[in-house]
N, C-alpha and C. Protein backbone atom coordinates (compact mmCIF):
# COMPACT_ATOMS: atom_id res chain seq x y z
N MET A 1 -101.34 41.48 1.14
CA MET A 1 -101.11 42.90 1.26
C MET A 1 -99.72 43.17 1.83
N ILE A 2 -99.10 44.18 1.33
CA ILE A 2 -97.82 44.65 1.85
C ILE A 2 -98.07 45.95 2.58
N ASN A 3 -97.64 46.00 3.84
CA ASN A 3 -97.78 47.24 4.60
C ASN A 3 -96.45 47.99 4.57
N GLY A 4 -96.43 49.16 5.16
CA GLY A 4 -95.23 49.98 5.15
C GLY A 4 -94.03 49.35 5.81
N GLY A 5 -94.25 48.67 6.92
CA GLY A 5 -93.15 48.01 7.62
C GLY A 5 -92.51 46.93 6.76
N LEU A 6 -93.33 46.17 6.05
CA LEU A 6 -92.80 45.13 5.18
C LEU A 6 -92.05 45.73 3.99
N LEU A 7 -92.60 46.80 3.41
CA LEU A 7 -91.92 47.48 2.30
C LEU A 7 -90.58 48.05 2.76
N ARG A 8 -90.58 48.68 3.91
CA ARG A 8 -89.34 49.22 4.49
C ARG A 8 -88.30 48.11 4.65
N ASP A 9 -88.72 47.00 5.24
CA ASP A 9 -87.80 45.89 5.46
C ASP A 9 -87.31 45.29 4.15
N ALA A 10 -88.16 45.28 3.13
CA ALA A 10 -87.76 44.75 1.82
C ALA A 10 -86.69 45.63 1.18
N VAL A 11 -86.83 46.94 1.29
CA VAL A 11 -85.81 47.84 0.72
C VAL A 11 -84.50 47.70 1.48
N ILE A 12 -84.57 47.60 2.79
CA ILE A 12 -83.36 47.40 3.60
C ILE A 12 -82.69 46.08 3.22
N SER A 13 -83.48 45.04 3.05
CA SER A 13 -82.94 43.74 2.64
C SER A 13 -82.30 43.84 1.26
N ALA A 14 -82.94 44.56 0.36
CA ALA A 14 -82.37 44.76 -0.98
C ALA A 14 -81.03 45.49 -0.90
N ALA A 15 -80.93 46.46 -0.01
CA ALA A 15 -79.67 47.19 0.16
C ALA A 15 -78.56 46.23 0.61
N HIS A 16 -78.89 45.36 1.55
CA HIS A 16 -77.90 44.39 2.02
C HIS A 16 -77.52 43.41 0.90
N SER A 17 -78.50 42.98 0.14
CA SER A 17 -78.23 42.04 -0.96
C SER A 17 -77.34 42.66 -2.02
N ILE A 18 -77.63 43.89 -2.40
CA ILE A 18 -76.81 44.56 -3.41
C ILE A 18 -75.39 44.77 -2.87
N SER A 19 -75.29 45.15 -1.62
CA SER A 19 -73.96 45.33 -1.02
C SER A 19 -73.17 44.03 -1.01
N ASN A 20 -73.85 42.93 -0.71
CA ASN A 20 -73.18 41.63 -0.67
C ASN A 20 -72.77 41.13 -2.05
N LYS A 21 -73.45 41.59 -3.09
CA LYS A 21 -73.19 41.11 -4.45
C LYS A 21 -72.57 42.17 -5.36
N LYS A 22 -72.12 43.29 -4.78
CA LYS A 22 -71.65 44.40 -5.61
C LYS A 22 -70.48 44.02 -6.52
N LYS A 23 -69.59 43.18 -6.05
CA LYS A 23 -68.46 42.78 -6.90
C LYS A 23 -68.93 41.99 -8.11
N SER A 24 -69.93 41.14 -7.92
CA SER A 24 -70.48 40.38 -9.05
C SER A 24 -71.12 41.32 -10.06
N VAL A 25 -71.83 42.32 -9.57
CA VAL A 25 -72.46 43.29 -10.48
C VAL A 25 -71.39 44.15 -11.15
N ASP A 26 -70.35 44.52 -10.42
CA ASP A 26 -69.25 45.27 -11.02
C ASP A 26 -68.66 44.51 -12.21
N GLU A 27 -68.55 43.20 -12.08
CA GLU A 27 -67.98 42.38 -13.15
C GLU A 27 -68.90 42.29 -14.37
N LEU A 28 -70.19 42.49 -14.18
CA LEU A 28 -71.15 42.47 -15.28
C LEU A 28 -71.23 43.80 -16.01
N ASN A 29 -70.68 44.81 -15.43
CA ASN A 29 -70.80 46.18 -15.91
C ASN A 29 -70.35 46.33 -17.37
N VAL A 30 -71.29 46.75 -18.21
CA VAL A 30 -70.95 47.06 -19.60
C VAL A 30 -71.62 48.35 -20.09
N PHE A 31 -72.54 48.92 -19.32
CA PHE A 31 -73.29 50.09 -19.76
C PHE A 31 -73.21 51.19 -18.73
N PRO A 32 -73.03 52.40 -19.07
CA PRO A 32 -72.78 52.92 -20.43
C PRO A 32 -71.34 52.71 -20.88
N VAL A 33 -70.43 52.50 -19.94
CA VAL A 33 -69.05 52.13 -20.27
C VAL A 33 -68.62 51.04 -19.29
N PRO A 34 -67.73 50.15 -19.71
CA PRO A 34 -67.30 49.06 -18.82
C PRO A 34 -66.28 49.53 -17.78
N ASP A 35 -66.74 50.36 -16.86
CA ASP A 35 -65.82 50.92 -15.87
C ASP A 35 -65.79 50.12 -14.57
N GLY A 36 -66.61 49.09 -14.45
CA GLY A 36 -66.52 48.16 -13.33
C GLY A 36 -66.97 48.69 -11.99
N ASP A 37 -67.85 49.69 -11.96
CA ASP A 37 -68.29 50.23 -10.67
C ASP A 37 -69.80 50.28 -10.49
N THR A 38 -70.53 49.63 -11.38
CA THR A 38 -71.99 49.68 -11.29
C THR A 38 -72.51 49.12 -9.97
N GLY A 39 -72.03 47.97 -9.57
CA GLY A 39 -72.47 47.37 -8.31
C GLY A 39 -72.10 48.22 -7.12
N THR A 40 -70.91 48.77 -7.14
CA THR A 40 -70.46 49.64 -6.06
C THR A 40 -71.34 50.88 -5.97
N ASN A 41 -71.61 51.51 -7.11
CA ASN A 41 -72.44 52.71 -7.11
C ASN A 41 -73.88 52.42 -6.71
N MET A 42 -74.42 51.30 -7.17
CA MET A 42 -75.78 50.93 -6.78
C MET A 42 -75.84 50.65 -5.28
N SER A 43 -74.83 49.96 -4.78
CA SER A 43 -74.77 49.66 -3.35
C SER A 43 -74.71 50.94 -2.52
N MET A 44 -73.85 51.86 -2.91
CA MET A 44 -73.73 53.11 -2.17
C MET A 44 -75.03 53.92 -2.23
N THR A 45 -75.69 53.88 -3.37
CA THR A 45 -76.94 54.62 -3.55
C THR A 45 -78.04 54.09 -2.65
N ILE A 46 -78.29 52.78 -2.71
CA ILE A 46 -79.39 52.23 -1.92
C ILE A 46 -79.07 52.19 -0.43
N THR A 47 -77.80 52.02 -0.09
CA THR A 47 -77.42 52.02 1.32
C THR A 47 -77.68 53.38 1.96
N ASN A 48 -77.64 54.42 1.16
CA ASN A 48 -77.93 55.76 1.66
C ASN A 48 -79.35 55.85 2.23
N SER A 49 -80.25 55.02 1.76
CA SER A 49 -81.64 55.07 2.24
C SER A 49 -81.84 54.30 3.55
N VAL A 50 -80.94 53.40 3.88
CA VAL A 50 -81.15 52.50 5.03
C VAL A 50 -81.31 53.26 6.34
N ALA A 51 -80.45 54.19 6.63
CA ALA A 51 -80.53 54.93 7.90
C ALA A 51 -81.87 55.64 8.04
N GLU A 52 -82.33 56.26 6.96
CA GLU A 52 -83.62 56.96 7.02
C GLU A 52 -84.77 55.97 7.18
N LEU A 53 -84.69 54.84 6.50
CA LEU A 53 -85.75 53.84 6.61
C LEU A 53 -85.79 53.22 8.01
N GLU A 54 -84.64 53.01 8.60
CA GLU A 54 -84.60 52.43 9.94
C GLU A 54 -85.21 53.36 10.98
N ASN A 55 -85.32 54.64 10.68
CA ASN A 55 -85.94 55.59 11.59
C ASN A 55 -87.46 55.62 11.47
N LEU A 56 -88.01 54.98 10.43
CA LEU A 56 -89.46 54.95 10.26
C LEU A 56 -90.07 53.90 11.19
N SER A 57 -91.24 54.19 11.69
CA SER A 57 -91.92 53.24 12.58
C SER A 57 -92.54 52.11 11.76
N ASP A 58 -92.86 51.04 12.45
CA ASP A 58 -93.48 49.88 11.81
C ASP A 58 -94.84 50.22 11.21
N ASP A 59 -95.49 51.26 11.71
CA ASP A 59 -96.82 51.59 11.20
C ASP A 59 -96.80 52.68 10.13
N ALA A 60 -95.61 53.06 9.64
CA ALA A 60 -95.55 54.01 8.52
C ALA A 60 -96.23 53.38 7.32
N ASP A 61 -96.99 54.16 6.57
CA ASP A 61 -97.66 53.58 5.42
C ASP A 61 -96.71 53.47 4.22
N CYS A 62 -97.12 52.70 3.24
CA CYS A 62 -96.28 52.43 2.07
C CYS A 62 -95.90 53.69 1.33
N SER A 63 -96.81 54.64 1.26
CA SER A 63 -96.52 55.89 0.56
C SER A 63 -95.37 56.63 1.23
N VAL A 64 -95.36 56.67 2.54
CA VAL A 64 -94.28 57.34 3.29
C VAL A 64 -92.96 56.59 3.10
N VAL A 65 -93.00 55.28 3.21
CA VAL A 65 -91.79 54.48 3.04
C VAL A 65 -91.22 54.69 1.64
N ALA A 66 -92.08 54.63 0.65
CA ALA A 66 -91.62 54.77 -0.74
C ALA A 66 -91.07 56.16 -1.01
N SER A 67 -91.74 57.19 -0.55
CA SER A 67 -91.25 58.55 -0.81
C SER A 67 -89.96 58.82 -0.05
N THR A 68 -89.83 58.27 1.16
CA THR A 68 -88.58 58.40 1.93
C THR A 68 -87.44 57.72 1.17
N THR A 69 -87.71 56.54 0.66
CA THR A 69 -86.70 55.80 -0.10
C THR A 69 -86.30 56.57 -1.36
N ALA A 70 -87.28 57.03 -2.11
CA ALA A 70 -86.99 57.73 -3.36
C ALA A 70 -86.15 58.99 -3.11
N SER A 71 -86.50 59.72 -2.09
CA SER A 71 -85.76 60.94 -1.76
C SER A 71 -84.32 60.61 -1.38
N ALA A 72 -84.14 59.59 -0.55
CA ALA A 72 -82.79 59.19 -0.12
C ALA A 72 -81.97 58.67 -1.30
N LEU A 73 -82.60 57.92 -2.19
CA LEU A 73 -81.89 57.40 -3.36
C LEU A 73 -81.41 58.55 -4.25
N LEU A 74 -82.26 59.52 -4.47
CA LEU A 74 -81.88 60.64 -5.32
C LEU A 74 -80.74 61.44 -4.70
N ARG A 75 -80.86 61.73 -3.41
CA ARG A 75 -79.81 62.51 -2.73
C ARG A 75 -78.50 61.75 -2.63
N GLY A 76 -78.58 60.42 -2.55
CA GLY A 76 -77.38 59.61 -2.39
C GLY A 76 -76.90 58.94 -3.66
N ALA A 77 -77.49 59.31 -4.80
CA ALA A 77 -77.14 58.64 -6.06
C ALA A 77 -75.66 58.80 -6.38
N ARG A 78 -75.04 57.68 -6.72
CA ARG A 78 -73.62 57.65 -7.10
C ARG A 78 -73.51 57.10 -8.51
N GLY A 79 -72.86 57.83 -9.36
CA GLY A 79 -72.63 57.39 -10.72
C GLY A 79 -73.92 57.27 -11.52
N ASN A 80 -73.77 56.89 -12.77
CA ASN A 80 -74.93 56.73 -13.65
C ASN A 80 -75.90 55.68 -13.13
N SER A 81 -75.36 54.57 -12.65
CA SER A 81 -76.24 53.49 -12.19
C SER A 81 -77.05 53.90 -10.97
N GLY A 82 -76.47 54.72 -10.09
CA GLY A 82 -77.21 55.22 -8.93
C GLY A 82 -78.33 56.16 -9.33
N VAL A 83 -78.04 57.02 -10.30
CA VAL A 83 -79.07 57.94 -10.78
C VAL A 83 -80.19 57.16 -11.46
N ILE A 84 -79.81 56.18 -12.27
CA ILE A 84 -80.82 55.35 -12.95
C ILE A 84 -81.68 54.61 -11.91
N MET A 85 -81.03 54.05 -10.89
CA MET A 85 -81.77 53.36 -9.84
C MET A 85 -82.77 54.31 -9.16
N SER A 86 -82.32 55.52 -8.87
CA SER A 86 -83.21 56.48 -8.19
C SER A 86 -84.39 56.85 -9.08
N GLN A 87 -84.17 56.95 -10.39
CA GLN A 87 -85.25 57.29 -11.31
C GLN A 87 -86.24 56.15 -11.46
N ILE A 88 -85.74 54.93 -11.46
CA ILE A 88 -86.63 53.76 -11.52
C ILE A 88 -87.53 53.74 -10.29
N PHE A 89 -86.93 53.95 -9.13
CA PHE A 89 -87.73 53.94 -7.90
C PHE A 89 -88.70 55.12 -7.87
N ARG A 90 -88.30 56.23 -8.44
CA ARG A 90 -89.19 57.40 -8.52
C ARG A 90 -90.45 57.05 -9.32
N GLY A 91 -90.27 56.32 -10.42
CA GLY A 91 -91.42 55.88 -11.20
C GLY A 91 -92.32 54.95 -10.41
N PHE A 92 -91.72 54.07 -9.64
CA PHE A 92 -92.46 53.16 -8.77
C PHE A 92 -93.29 53.95 -7.76
N VAL A 93 -92.68 54.95 -7.15
CA VAL A 93 -93.33 55.76 -6.12
C VAL A 93 -94.52 56.53 -6.68
N LYS A 94 -94.39 57.05 -7.86
CA LYS A 94 -95.49 57.82 -8.45
C LYS A 94 -96.77 56.99 -8.55
N GLU A 95 -96.61 55.71 -8.78
CA GLU A 95 -97.77 54.84 -8.94
C GLU A 95 -98.37 54.43 -7.60
N ILE A 96 -97.59 54.36 -6.55
CA ILE A 96 -98.13 53.90 -5.26
C ILE A 96 -98.45 55.04 -4.31
N LYS A 97 -98.19 56.26 -4.73
CA LYS A 97 -98.44 57.42 -3.88
C LYS A 97 -99.88 57.42 -3.37
N GLY A 98 -100.01 57.66 -2.07
CA GLY A 98 -101.32 57.74 -1.45
C GLY A 98 -101.87 56.41 -0.95
N ASN A 99 -101.12 55.33 -1.12
CA ASN A 99 -101.58 54.02 -0.67
C ASN A 99 -100.93 53.65 0.66
N ASP A 100 -101.77 53.26 1.60
CA ASP A 100 -101.26 52.80 2.90
C ASP A 100 -100.64 51.42 2.78
N THR A 101 -101.27 50.58 1.96
CA THR A 101 -100.80 49.22 1.72
C THR A 101 -100.77 48.98 0.22
N LEU A 102 -100.10 47.89 -0.17
CA LEU A 102 -99.98 47.55 -1.59
C LEU A 102 -100.53 46.15 -1.82
N ASP A 103 -101.22 46.00 -2.94
CA ASP A 103 -101.65 44.67 -3.36
C ASP A 103 -100.96 44.37 -4.69
N VAL A 104 -101.21 43.20 -5.24
CA VAL A 104 -100.52 42.77 -6.45
C VAL A 104 -100.80 43.70 -7.64
N THR A 105 -101.99 44.24 -7.72
CA THR A 105 -102.33 45.14 -8.82
C THR A 105 -101.55 46.45 -8.72
N ILE A 106 -101.51 47.00 -7.54
CA ILE A 106 -100.76 48.26 -7.34
C ILE A 106 -99.27 48.03 -7.62
N ILE A 107 -98.73 46.93 -7.11
CA ILE A 107 -97.31 46.64 -7.33
C ILE A 107 -97.02 46.43 -8.81
N GLY A 108 -97.88 45.69 -9.49
CA GLY A 108 -97.71 45.47 -10.93
C GLY A 108 -97.72 46.78 -11.70
N ASN A 109 -98.67 47.64 -11.38
CA ASN A 109 -98.74 48.94 -12.06
C ASN A 109 -97.51 49.80 -11.73
N ALA A 110 -97.05 49.71 -10.49
CA ALA A 110 -95.88 50.49 -10.07
C ALA A 110 -94.62 50.03 -10.81
N VAL A 111 -94.47 48.72 -10.95
CA VAL A 111 -93.31 48.18 -11.67
C VAL A 111 -93.37 48.60 -13.14
N GLN A 112 -94.56 48.55 -13.73
CA GLN A 112 -94.72 48.99 -15.12
C GLN A 112 -94.37 50.46 -15.26
N HIS A 113 -94.84 51.29 -14.34
CA HIS A 113 -94.55 52.73 -14.38
C HIS A 113 -93.05 52.96 -14.20
N ALA A 114 -92.42 52.20 -13.32
CA ALA A 114 -90.98 52.33 -13.09
C ALA A 114 -90.21 51.99 -14.36
N ALA A 115 -90.65 50.95 -15.07
CA ALA A 115 -89.97 50.55 -16.30
C ALA A 115 -90.10 51.61 -17.39
N GLU A 116 -91.22 52.30 -17.40
CA GLU A 116 -91.43 53.34 -18.41
C GLU A 116 -90.54 54.52 -18.14
């Protein structure tokens, strides 16, 4: 089971990972135009959520963590890649809404919904 604190920490870790690898992602950039800023925009977008997530308590449920993240991603979206990232996470959130914890079935369904 994944609780809210673990989900929060995973998103924060993802923000750090994307920030650390943004130049590599920038170099891969080909869609929608090869402008070389996809990693930078994704990093700026997800980093916008970190401050809000760090303010959540360890006992926040997954639904709260996910909705906080989705809201911060949308408000902080930079460029096309940031908007796309926020929409993917929005799809993920719709599937896990109302869940205090997540199991493999919920996560699988959420990832499928995000992809759609």
